[in-house]
């Protein structure tokens, strides 16, 4: 496995972590915004890697999304997949939406 593959797997793992964090309060309170964030985070993770790295920590939505974005941004533009800028944009937009959805 290359460093780039590791970073992609790591980013996908953080997106799954963000989805799980969004689902926790959504189970107690059916907030459609949080369910949407969870679904979009999982869909974006699937675009990034079919083998997401398991993240052992429990973190909030914003910190997990930020960690996913950091992992993607650590890949050089010419080193990653051709759609890396689009994937980064998706995660960046998820960060924006999550910031608006959380009180």
PDB file of N, CA and C in Angstrom:
ATOM      1  N   UNK A   1       0.840  -1.164   0.000  1.00  0.00           N
ATOM      2  CA  UNK A   1       0.000   0.000   0.000  1.00  0.00           C
ATOM      3  C   UNK A   1       0.892   1.236   0.000  1.00  0.00           C
ATOM      4  N   UNK A   2       0.554   2.183  -0.853  1.00  0.00           N
ATOM      5  CA  UNK A   2       1.334   3.415  -0.926  1.00  0.00           C
ATOM      6  C   UNK A   2       0.847   4.415   0.123  1.00  0.00           C
ATOM      7  N   UNK A   3       1.624   5.441   0.315  1.00  0.00           N
ATOM      8  CA  UNK A   3       1.251   6.501   1.243  1.00  0.00           C
ATOM      9  C   UNK A   3      -0.039   7.173   0.787  1.00  0.00           C
ATOM     10  N   UNK A   4      -0.199   7.334  -0.505  1.00  0.00           N
ATOM     11  CA  UNK A   4      -1.415   7.958  -1.043  1.00  0.00           C
ATOM     12  C   UNK A   4      -2.626   7.094  -0.742  1.00  0.00           C
ATOM     13  N   UNK A   5      -2.506   5.785  -0.964  1.00  0.00           N
ATOM     14  CA  UNK A   5      -3.617   4.880  -0.635  1.00  0.00           C
ATOM     15  C   UNK A   5      -3.951   4.952   0.847  1.00  0.00           C
ATOM     16  N   UNK A   6      -2.919   5.013   1.676  1.00  0.00           N
ATOM     17  CA  UNK A   6      -3.132   5.116   3.122  1.00  0.00           C
ATOM     18  C   UNK A   6      -3.890   6.393   3.468  1.00  0.00           C
ATOM     19  N   UNK A   7      -3.514   7.501   2.860  1.00  0.00           N
ATOM     20  CA  UNK A   7      -4.179   8.782   3.117  1.00  0.00           C
ATOM     21  C   UNK A   7      -5.637   8.750   2.654  1.00  0.00           C
ATOM     22  N   UNK A   8      -5.878   8.134   1.513  1.00  0.00           N
ATOM     23  CA  UNK A   8      -7.256   8.020   1.017  1.00  0.00           C
ATOM     24  C   UNK A   8      -8.095   7.145   1.949  1.00  0.00           C
ATOM     25  N   UNK A   9      -7.519   6.026   2.381  1.00  0.00           N
ATOM     26  CA  UNK A   9      -8.219   5.151   3.331  1.00  0.00           C
ATOM     27  C   UNK A   9      -8.486   5.880   4.649  1.00  0.00           C
ATOM     28  N   UNK A  10      -7.510   6.663   5.082  1.00  0.00           N
ATOM     29  CA  UNK A  10      -7.641   7.425   6.326  1.00  0.00           C
ATOM     30  C   UNK A  10      -8.764   8.466   6.200  1.00  0.00           C
ATOM     31  N   UNK A  11      -8.797   9.176   5.075  1.00  0.00           N
ATOM     32  CA  UNK A  11      -9.849  10.178   4.860  1.00  0.00           C
ATOM     33  C   UNK A  11     -11.226   9.520   4.870  1.00  0.00           C
ATOM     34  N   UNK A  12     -11.352   8.386   4.199  1.00  0.00           N
ATOM     35  CA  UNK A  12     -12.635   7.677   4.176  1.00  0.00           C
ATOM     36  C   UNK A  12     -13.022   7.215   5.579  1.00  0.00           C
ATOM     37  N   UNK A  13     -12.054   6.766   6.352  1.00  0.00           N
ATOM     38  CA  UNK A  13     -12.328   6.352   7.724  1.00  0.00           C
ATOM     39  C   UNK A  13     -12.831   7.505   8.578  1.00  0.00           C
ATOM     40  N   UNK A  14     -12.239   8.680   8.406  1.00  0.00           N
ATOM     41  CA  UNK A  14     -12.699   9.853   9.158  1.00  0.00           C
ATOM     42  C   UNK A  14     -14.110  10.259   8.730  1.00  0.00           C
ATOM     43  N   UNK A  15     -14.421  10.079   7.451  1.00  0.00           N
ATOM     44  CA  UNK A  15     -15.781  10.394   6.998  1.00  0.00           C
ATOM     45  C   UNK A  15     -16.795   9.438   7.620  1.00  0.00           C
ATOM     46  N   UNK A  16     -16.433   8.171   7.747  1.00  0.00           N
ATOM     47  CA  UNK A  16     -17.323   7.225   8.421  1.00  0.00           C
ATOM     48  C   UNK A  16     -17.480   7.596   9.894  1.00  0.00           C
ATOM     49  N   UNK A  17     -16.409   8.061  10.497  1.00  0.00           N
ATOM     50  CA  UNK A  17     -16.462   8.507  11.892  1.00  0.00           C
ATOM     51  C   UNK A  17     -17.395   9.717  12.031  1.00  0.00           C
ATOM     52  N   UNK A  18     -17.316  10.648  11.080  1.00  0.00           N
ATOM     53  CA  UNK A  18     -18.205  11.816  11.088  1.00  0.00           C
ATOM     54  C   UNK A  18     -19.656  11.377  10.928  1.00  0.00           C
ATOM     55  N   UNK A  19     -19.888  10.399  10.058  1.00  0.00           N
ATOM     56  CA  UNK A  19     -21.251   9.894   9.856  1.00  0.00           C
ATOM     57  C   UNK A  19     -21.795   9.275  11.137  1.00  0.00           C
ATOM     58  N   UNK A  20     -20.969   8.512  11.814  1.00  0.00           N
ATOM     59  CA  UNK A  20     -21.407   7.893  13.072  1.00  0.00           C
ATOM     60  C   UNK A  20     -21.703   8.967  14.119  1.00  0.00           C
ATOM     61  N   UNK A  21     -20.883  10.012  14.164  1.00  0.00           N
ATOM     62  CA  UNK A  21     -21.112  11.103  15.114  1.00  0.00           C
ATOM     63  C   UNK A  21     -22.404  11.846  14.788  1.00  0.00           C
ATOM     64  N   UNK A  22     -22.713  11.994  13.516  1.00  0.00           N
ATOM     65  CA  UNK A  22     -23.953  12.665  13.114  1.00  0.00           C
ATOM     66  C   UNK A  22     -25.167  11.806  13.436  1.00  0.00           C
ATOM     67  N   UNK A  23     -24.999  10.501  13.372  1.00  0.00           N
ATOM     68  CA  UNK A  23     -26.121   9.597  13.633  1.00  0.00           C
ATOM     69  C   UNK A  23     -26.431   9.473  15.116  1.00  0.00           C
ATOM     70  N   UNK A  24     -25.470   9.676  15.981  1.00  0.00           N
ATOM     71  CA  UNK A  24     -25.733   9.544  17.426  1.00  0.00           C
ATOM     72  C   UNK A  24     -26.842  10.472  17.884  1.00  0.00           C
ATOM     73  N   UNK A  25     -26.717  11.787  17.689  1.00  0.00           N
ATOM     74  CA  UNK A  25     -27.824  12.638  18.125  1.00  0.00           C
ATOM     75  C   UNK A  25     -29.057  12.463  17.235  1.00  0.00           C
ATOM     76  N   UNK A  26     -28.863  12.056  16.003  1.00  0.00           N
ATOM     77  CA  UNK A  26     -29.999  11.886  15.097  1.00  0.00           C
ATOM     78  C   UNK A  26     -30.894  10.742  15.555  1.00  0.00           C
ATOM     79  N   UNK A  27     -30.324   9.764  16.247  1.00  0.00           N
ATOM     80  CA  UNK A  27     -31.133   8.661  16.750  1.00  0.00           C
ATOM     81  C   UNK A  27     -32.035   9.130  17.889  1.00  0.00           C
ATOM     82  N   UNK A  28     -31.577  10.086  18.686  1.00  0.00           N
ATOM     83  CA  UNK A  28     -32.380  10.624  19.779  1.00  0.00           C
ATOM     84  C   UNK A  28     -33.357  11.681  19.278  1.00  0.00           C
ATOM     85  N   UNK A  29     -32.950  12.405  18.284  1.00  0.00           N
ATOM     86  CA  UNK A  29     -33.752  13.484  17.731  1.00  0.00           C
ATOM     87  C   UNK A  29     -33.669  13.390  16.212  1.00  0.00           C
ATOM     88  N   UNK A  30     -34.733  13.040  15.566  1.00  0.00           N
ATOM     89  CA  UNK A  30     -34.667  12.824  14.109  1.00  0.00           C
ATOM     90  C   UNK A  30     -34.440  14.122  13.334  1.00  0.00           C
ATOM     91  N   UNK A  31     -33.258  14.690  13.482  1.00  0.00           N
ATOM     92  CA  UNK A  31     -32.899  15.909  12.763  1.00  0.00           C
ATOM     93  C   UNK A  31     -32.509  15.549  11.338  1.00  0.00           C
ATOM     94  N   UNK A  32     -33.290  15.985  10.362  1.00  0.00           N
ATOM     95  CA  UNK A  32     -32.988  15.613   8.974  1.00  0.00           C
ATOM     96  C   UNK A  32     -31.625  16.093   8.500  1.00  0.00           C
ATOM     97  N   UNK A  33     -31.163  17.241   9.034  1.00  0.00           N
ATOM     98  CA  UNK A  33     -29.851  17.743   8.599  1.00  0.00           C
ATOM     99  C   UNK A  33     -28.736  16.792   8.998  1.00  0.00           C
ATOM    100  N   UNK A  34     -28.830  16.246  10.210  1.00  0.00           N
ATOM    101  CA  UNK A  34     -27.789  15.331  10.669  1.00  0.00           C
ATOM    102  C   UNK A  34     -27.827  14.020   9.909  1.00  0.00           C
ATOM    103  N   UNK A  35     -29.001  13.532   9.604  1.00  0.00           N
ATOM    104  CA  UNK A  35     -29.108  12.300   8.797  1.00  0.00           C
ATOM    105  C   UNK A  35     -28.551  12.533   7.394  1.00  0.00           C
ATOM    106  N   UNK A  36     -28.793  13.726   6.863  1.00  0.00           N
ATOM    107  CA  UNK A  36     -28.265  14.063   5.539  1.00  0.00           C
ATOM    108  C   UNK A  36     -26.748  14.126   5.561  1.00  0.00           C
ATOM    109  N   UNK A  37     -26.193  14.749   6.599  1.00  0.00           N
ATOM    110  CA  UNK A  37     -24.730  14.813   6.726  1.00  0.00           C
ATOM    111  C   UNK A  37     -24.151  13.406   6.811  1.00  0.00           C
ATOM    112  N   UNK A  38     -24.781  12.544   7.589  1.00  0.00           N
ATOM    113  CA  UNK A  38     -24.291  11.168   7.725  1.00  0.00           C
ATOM    114  C   UNK A  38     -24.311  10.453   6.378  1.00  0.00           C
ATOM    115  N   UNK A  39     -25.401  10.588   5.649  1.00  0.00           N
ATOM    116  CA  UNK A  39     -25.510   9.914   4.346  1.00  0.00           C
ATOM    117  C   UNK A  39     -24.487  10.455   3.351  1.00  0.00           C
ATOM    118  N   UNK A  40     -24.330  11.772   3.307  1.00  0.00           N
ATOM    119  CA  UNK A  40     -23.368  12.361   2.377  1.00  0.00           C
ATOM    120  C   UNK A  40     -21.927  12.020   2.752  1.00  0.00           C
ATOM    121  N   UNK A  41     -21.641  11.950   4.045  1.00  0.00           N
ATOM    122  CA  UNK A  41     -20.289  11.577   4.480  1.00  0.00           C
ATOM    123  C   UNK A  41     -19.977  10.146   4.054  1.00  0.00           C
ATOM    124  N   UNK A  42     -20.934   9.247   4.221  1.00  0.00           N
ATOM    125  CA  UNK A  42     -20.710   7.849   3.813  1.00  0.00           C
ATOM    126  C   UNK A  42     -20.581   7.723   2.289  1.00  0.00           C
ATOM    127  N   UNK A  43     -21.399   8.477   1.560  1.00  0.00           N
ATOM    128  CA  UNK A  43     -21.318   8.431   0.089  1.00  0.00           C
ATOM    129  C   UNK A  43     -19.971   8.969  -0.396  1.00  0.00           C
ATOM    130  N   UNK A  44     -19.519  10.055   0.212  1.00  0.00           N
ATOM    131  CA  UNK A  44     -18.222  10.629  -0.174  1.00  0.00           C
ATOM    132  C   UNK A  44     -17.086   9.678   0.191  1.00  0.00           C
ATOM    133  N   UNK A  45     -17.197   9.028   1.346  1.00  0.00           N
ATOM    134  CA  UNK A  45     -16.181   8.047   1.747  1.00  0.00           C
ATOM    135  C   UNK A  45     -16.090   6.924   0.720  1.00  0.00           C
ATOM    136  N   UNK A  46     -17.234   6.504   0.203  1.00  0.00           N
ATOM    137  CA  UNK A  46     -17.241   5.432  -0.796  1.00  0.00           C
ATOM    138  C   UNK A  46     -16.560   5.870  -2.095  1.00  0.00           C
ATOM    139  N   UNK A  47     -16.659   7.140  -2.427  1.00  0.00           N
ATOM    140  CA  UNK A  47     -15.965   7.653  -3.614  1.00  0.00           C
ATOM    141  C   UNK A  47     -14.457   7.697  -3.413  1.00  0.00           C
ATOM    142  N   UNK A  48     -14.056   7.922  -2.175  1.00  0.00           N
ATOM    143  CA  UNK A  48     -12.632   8.080  -1.871  1.00  0.00           C
ATOM    144  C   UNK A  48     -11.919   6.740  -1.766  1.00  0.00           C
ATOM    145  N   UNK A  49     -12.515   5.777  -1.067  1.00  0.00           N
ATOM    146  CA  UNK A  49     -11.836   4.496  -0.848  1.00  0.00           C
ATOM    147  C   UNK A  49     -12.844   3.396  -0.540  1.00  0.00           C
ATOM    148  N   UNK A  50     -12.590   2.244  -1.109  1.00  0.00           N
ATOM    149  CA  UNK A  50     -13.431   1.074  -0.825  1.00  0.00           C
ATOM    150  C   UNK A  50     -12.976   0.374   0.446  1.00  0.00           C
ATOM    151  N   UNK A  51     -11.823   0.764   0.962  1.00  0.00           N
ATOM    152  CA  UNK A  51     -11.279   0.138   2.173  1.00  0.00           C
ATOM    153  C   UNK A  51     -10.925   1.207   3.198  1.00  0.00           C
ATOM    154  N   UNK A  52     -11.933   1.823   3.820  1.00  0.00           N
ATOM    155  CA  UNK A  52     -11.632   2.888   4.787  1.00  0.00           C
ATOM    156  C   UNK A  52     -10.890   2.367   6.003  1.00  0.00           C
ATOM    157  N   UNK A  53      -9.976   3.176   6.484  1.00  0.00           N
ATOM    158  CA  UNK A  53      -9.230   2.817   7.692  1.00  0.00           C
ATOM    159  C   UNK A  53     -10.146   2.969   8.895  1.00  0.00           C
ATOM    160  N   UNK A  54     -10.067   2.014   9.808  1.00  0.00           N
ATOM    161  CA  UNK A  54     -10.843   2.097  11.046  1.00  0.00           C
ATOM    162  C   UNK A  54     -10.207   3.146  11.941  1.00  0.00           C
ATOM    163  N   UNK A  55     -11.015   4.064  12.410  1.00  0.00           N
ATOM    164  CA  UNK A  55     -10.534   5.086  13.334  1.00  0.00           C
ATOM    165  C   UNK A  55     -10.962   4.678  14.734  1.00  0.00           C
ATOM    166  N   UNK A  56     -10.018   4.555  15.624  1.00  0.00           N
ATOM    167  CA  UNK A  56     -10.269   4.053  16.968  1.00  0.00           C
ATOM    168  C   UNK A  56     -10.752   5.126  17.935  1.00  0.00           C
ATOM    169  N   UNK A  57     -10.684   6.358  17.534  1.00  0.00           N
ATOM    170  CA  UNK A  57     -11.085   7.433  18.431  1.00  0.00           C
ATOM    171  C   UNK A  57     -12.558   7.753  18.222  1.00  0.00           C
ATOM    172  N   UNK A  58     -13.149   8.386  19.207  1.00  0.00           N
ATOM    173  CA  UNK A  58     -14.513   8.869  19.055  1.00  0.00           C
ATOM    174  C   UNK A  58     -14.430  10.379  19.013  1.00  0.00           C
ATOM    175  N   UNK A  59     -14.889  10.961  17.939  1.00  0.00           N
ATOM    176  CA  UNK A  59     -14.760  12.401  17.765  1.00  0.00           C
ATOM    177  C   UNK A  59     -16.081  12.970  17.267  1.00  0.00           C
ATOM    178  N   UNK A  60     -16.162  14.274  17.279  1.00  0.00           N
ATOM    179  CA  UNK A  60     -17.360  14.952  16.809  1.00  0.00           C
ATOM    180  C   UNK A  60     -17.402  15.038  15.296  1.00  0.00           C
ATOM    181  N   UNK A  61     -18.489  15.556  14.812  1.00  0.00           N
ATOM    182  CA  UNK A  61     -18.693  15.671  13.365  1.00  0.00           C
ATOM    183  C   UNK A  61     -17.645  16.597  12.760  1.00  0.00           C
ATOM    184  N   UNK A  62     -17.539  17.798  13.288  1.00  0.00           N
ATOM    185  CA  UNK A  62     -16.640  18.797  12.707  1.00  0.00           C
ATOM    186  C   UNK A  62     -15.182  18.356  12.736  1.00  0.00           C
ATOM    187  N   UNK A  63     -14.736  17.800  13.856  1.00  0.00           N
ATOM    188  CA  UNK A  63     -13.335  17.397  13.942  1.00  0.00           C
ATOM    189  C   UNK A  63     -13.035  16.217  13.026  1.00  0.00           C
ATOM    190  N   UNK A  64     -13.987  15.320  12.848  1.00  0.00           N
ATOM    191  CA  UNK A  64     -13.782  14.183  11.944  1.00  0.00           C
ATOM    192  C   UNK A  64     -13.739  14.638  10.491  1.00  0.00           C
ATOM    193  N   UNK A  65     -14.633  15.564  10.129  1.00  0.00           N
ATOM    194  CA  UNK A  65     -14.620  16.090   8.763  1.00  0.00           C
ATOM    195  C   UNK A  65     -13.336  16.862   8.498  1.00  0.00           C
ATOM    196  N   UNK A  66     -12.894  17.617   9.476  1.00  0.00           N
ATOM    197  CA  UNK A  66     -11.647  18.369   9.337  1.00  0.00           C
ATOM    198  C   UNK A  66     -10.454  17.430   9.163  1.00  0.00           C
ATOM    199  N   UNK A  67     -10.441  16.332   9.922  1.00  0.00           N
ATOM    200  CA  UNK A  67      -9.355  15.350   9.788  1.00  0.00           C
ATOM    201  C   UNK A  67      -9.386  14.694   8.408  1.00  0.00           C
ATOM    202  N   UNK A  68     -10.574  14.434   7.890  1.00  0.00           N
ATOM    203  CA  UNK A  68     -10.690  13.852   6.542  1.00  0.00           C
ATOM    204  C   UNK A  68     -10.148  14.821   5.502  1.00  0.00           C
ATOM    205  N   UNK A  69     -10.505  16.099   5.645  1.00  0.00           N
ATOM    206  CA  UNK A  69     -10.017  17.105   4.706  1.00  0.00           C
ATOM    207  C   UNK A  69      -8.501  17.250   4.797  1.00  0.00           C
ATOM    208  N   UNK A  70      -7.968  17.235   6.015  1.00  0.00           N
ATOM    209  CA  UNK A  70      -6.511  17.312   6.193  1.00  0.00           C
ATOM    210  C   UNK A  70      -5.810  16.146   5.502  1.00  0.00           C
ATOM    211  N   UNK A  71      -6.385  14.949   5.628  1.00  0.00           N
ATOM    212  CA  UNK A  71      -5.775  13.774   4.989  1.00  0.00           C
ATOM    213  C   UNK A  71      -5.766  13.928   3.471  1.00  0.00           C
ATOM    214  N   UNK A  72      -6.862  14.433   2.914  1.00  0.00           N
ATOM    215  CA  UNK A  72      -6.917  14.629   1.459  1.00  0.00           C
ATOM    216  C   UNK A  72      -5.969  15.732   1.008  1.00  0.00           C
ATOM    217  N   UNK A  73      -5.922  16.809   1.767  1.00  0.00           N
ATOM    218  CA  UNK A  73      -5.063  17.934   1.383  1.00  0.00           C
ATOM    219  C   UNK A  73      -3.586  17.626   1.537  1.00  0.00           C
ATOM    220  N   UNK A  74      -3.256  16.556   2.266  1.00  0.00           N
ATOM    221  CA  UNK A  74      -1.852  16.178   2.413  1.00  0.00           C
ATOM    222  C   UNK A  74      -1.324  15.456   1.172  1.00  0.00           C
ATOM    223  N   UNK A  75      -2.214  15.136   0.248  1.00  0.00           N
ATOM    224  CA  UNK A  75      -1.827  14.477  -1.000  1.00  0.00           C
ATOM    225  C   UNK A  75      -1.561  15.560  -2.038  1.00  0.00           C
ATOM    226  N   UNK A  76      -0.428  15.483  -2.663  1.00  0.00           N
ATOM    227  CA  UNK A  76      -0.094  16.456  -3.698  1.00  0.00           C
ATOM    228  C   UNK A  76      -1.067  16.375  -4.866  1.00  0.00           C
ATOM    229  N   UNK A  77      -1.363  17.511  -5.503  1.00  0.00           N
ATOM    230  CA  UNK A  77      -2.348  17.527  -6.578  1.00  0.00           C
ATOM    231  C   UNK A  77      -2.033  16.562  -7.727  1.00  0.00           C
ATOM    232  N   UNK A  78      -0.785  16.395  -8.028  1.00  0.00           N
ATOM    233  CA  UNK A  78      -0.409  15.494  -9.110  1.00  0.00           C
ATOM    234  C   UNK A  78      -0.200  14.059  -8.665  1.00  0.00           C
ATOM    235  N   UNK A  79      -0.260  13.813  -7.363  1.00  0.00           N
ATOM    236  CA  UNK A  79       0.029  12.484  -6.834  1.00  0.00           C
ATOM    237  C   UNK A  79      -1.218  11.634  -6.605  1.00  0.00           C
ATOM    238  N   UNK A  80      -2.344  12.279  -6.378  1.00  0.00           N
ATOM    239  CA  UNK A  80      -3.568  11.550  -6.049  1.00  0.00           C
ATOM    240  C   UNK A  80      -4.385  11.224  -7.285  1.00  0.00           C
ATOM    241  N   UNK A  81      -5.601  10.748  -7.049  1.00  0.00           N
ATOM    242  CA  UNK A  81      -6.481  10.445  -8.180  1.00  0.00           C
ATOM    243  C   UNK A  81      -6.857  11.729  -8.921  1.00  0.00           C
ATOM    244  N   UNK A  82      -7.279  11.584 -10.156  1.00  0.00           N
ATOM    245  CA  UNK A  82      -7.611  12.746 -10.983  1.00  0.00           C
ATOM    246  C   UNK A  82      -8.742  13.574 -10.379  1.00  0.00           C
ATOM    247  N   UNK A  83      -9.638  12.926  -9.637  1.00  0.00           N
ATOM    248  CA  UNK A  83     -10.768  13.662  -9.060  1.00  0.00           C
ATOM    249  C   UNK A  83     -10.500  14.153  -7.637  1.00  0.00           C
ATOM    250  N   UNK A  84      -9.244  14.192  -7.223  1.00  0.00           N
ATOM    251  CA  UNK A  84      -8.907  14.629  -5.866  1.00  0.00           C
ATOM    252  C   UNK A  84      -9.451  16.025  -5.544  1.00  0.00           C
ATOM    253  N   UNK A  85      -9.324  17.010  -6.440  1.00  0.00           N
ATOM    254  CA  UNK A  85      -9.889  18.330  -6.112  1.00  0.00           C
ATOM    255  C   UNK A  85     -11.404  18.283  -5.880  1.00  0.00           C
ATOM    256  N   UNK A  86     -12.099  17.476  -6.633  1.00  0.00           N
ATOM    257  CA  UNK A  86     -13.544  17.342  -6.451  1.00  0.00           C
ATOM    258  C   UNK A  86     -13.866  16.679  -5.114  1.00  0.00           C
ATOM    259  N   UNK A  87     -13.100  15.653  -4.758  1.00  0.00           N
ATOM    260  CA  UNK A  87     -13.305  14.986  -3.474  1.00  0.00           C
ATOM    261  C   UNK A  87     -13.034  15.943  -2.318  1.00  0.00           C
ATOM    262  N   UNK A  88     -11.974  16.740  -2.443  1.00  0.00           N
ATOM    263  CA  UNK A  88     -11.680  17.741  -1.413  1.00  0.00           C
ATOM    264  C   UNK A  88     -12.823  18.744  -1.300  1.00  0.00           C
ATOM    265  N   UNK A  89     -13.368  19.159  -2.437  1.00  0.00           N
ATOM    266  CA  UNK A  89     -14.484  20.100  -2.431  1.00  0.00           C
ATOM    267  C   UNK A  89     -15.695  19.501  -1.722  1.00  0.00           C
ATOM    268  N   UNK A  90     -15.986  18.222  -1.989  1.00  0.00           N
ATOM    269  CA  UNK A  90     -17.110  17.560  -1.325  1.00  0.00           C
ATOM    270  C   UNK A  90     -16.937  17.596   0.191  1.00  0.00           C
ATOM    271  N   UNK A  91     -15.747  17.260   0.657  1.00  0.00           N
ATOM    272  CA  UNK A  91     -15.502  17.231   2.110  1.00  0.00           C
ATOM    273  C   UNK A  91     -15.543  18.654   2.671  1.00  0.00           C
ATOM    274  N   UNK A  92     -14.977  19.599   1.948  1.00  0.00           N
ATOM    275  CA  UNK A  92     -15.026  20.994   2.393  1.00  0.00           C
ATOM    276  C   UNK A  92     -16.478  21.452   2.514  1.00  0.00           C
ATOM    277  N   UNK A  93     -17.304  21.100   1.559  1.00  0.00           N
ATOM    278  CA  UNK A  93     -18.716  21.480   1.603  1.00  0.00           C
ATOM    279  C   UNK A  93     -19.440  20.790   2.762  1.00  0.00           C
ATOM    280  N   UNK A  94     -19.081  19.542   3.037  1.00  0.00           N
ATOM    281  CA  UNK A  94     -19.647  18.861   4.196  1.00  0.00           C
ATOM    282  C   UNK A  94     -19.283  19.596   5.492  1.00  0.00           C
ATOM    283  N   UNK A  95     -18.060  20.095   5.577  1.00  0.00           N
ATOM    284  CA  UNK A  95     -17.647  20.881   6.752  1.00  0.00           C
ATOM    285  C   UNK A  95     -18.537  22.117   6.892  1.00  0.00           C
ATOM    286  N   UNK A  96     -18.801  22.770   5.782  1.00  0.00           N
ATOM    287  CA  UNK A  96     -19.646  23.974   5.801  1.00  0.00           C
ATOM    288  C   UNK A  96     -21.064  23.628   6.254  1.00  0.00           C
ATOM    289  N   UNK A  97     -21.637  22.576   5.666  1.00  0.00           N
ATOM    290  CA  UNK A  97     -23.001  22.181   5.998  1.00  0.00           C
ATOM    291  C   UNK A  97     -23.092  21.749   7.459  1.00  0.00           C
ATOM    292  N   UNK A  98     -22.108  20.997   7.918  1.00  0.00           N
ATOM    293  CA  UNK A  98     -22.113  20.541   9.319  1.00  0.00           C
ATOM    294  C   UNK A  98     -22.046  21.729  10.268  1.00  0.00           C
ATOM    295  N   UNK A  99     -21.266  22.735   9.912  1.00  0.00           N
ATOM    296  CA  UNK A  99     -21.170  23.934  10.749  1.00  0.00           C
ATOM    297  C   UNK A  99     -22.492  24.669  10.845  1.00  0.00           C
ATOM    298  N   UNK A 100     -23.280  24.644   9.785  1.00  0.00           N
ATOM    299  CA  UNK A 100     -24.579  25.294   9.797  1.00  0.00           C
ATOM    300  C   UNK A 100     -25.633  24.466  10.516  1.00  0.00           C
ATOM    301  N   UNK A 101     -25.486  23.139  10.491  1.00  0.00           N
ATOM    302  CA  UNK A 101     -26.504  22.248  11.048  1.00  0.00           C
ATOM    303  C   UNK A 101     -26.388  22.098  12.550  1.00  0.00           C
ATOM    304  N   UNK A 102     -25.193  22.279  13.080  1.00  0.00           N
ATOM    305  CA  UNK A 102     -24.986  22.078  14.521  1.00  0.00           C
ATOM    306  C   UNK A 102     -25.258  23.374  15.270  1.00  0.00           C
ATOM    307  N   UNK A 103     -25.922  23.253  16.423  1.00  0.00           N
ATOM    308  CA  UNK A 103     -26.224  24.458  17.207  1.00  0.00           C
ATOM    309  C   UNK A 103     -24.983  25.103  17.779  1.00  0.00           C
TER     310      UNK A 103
END
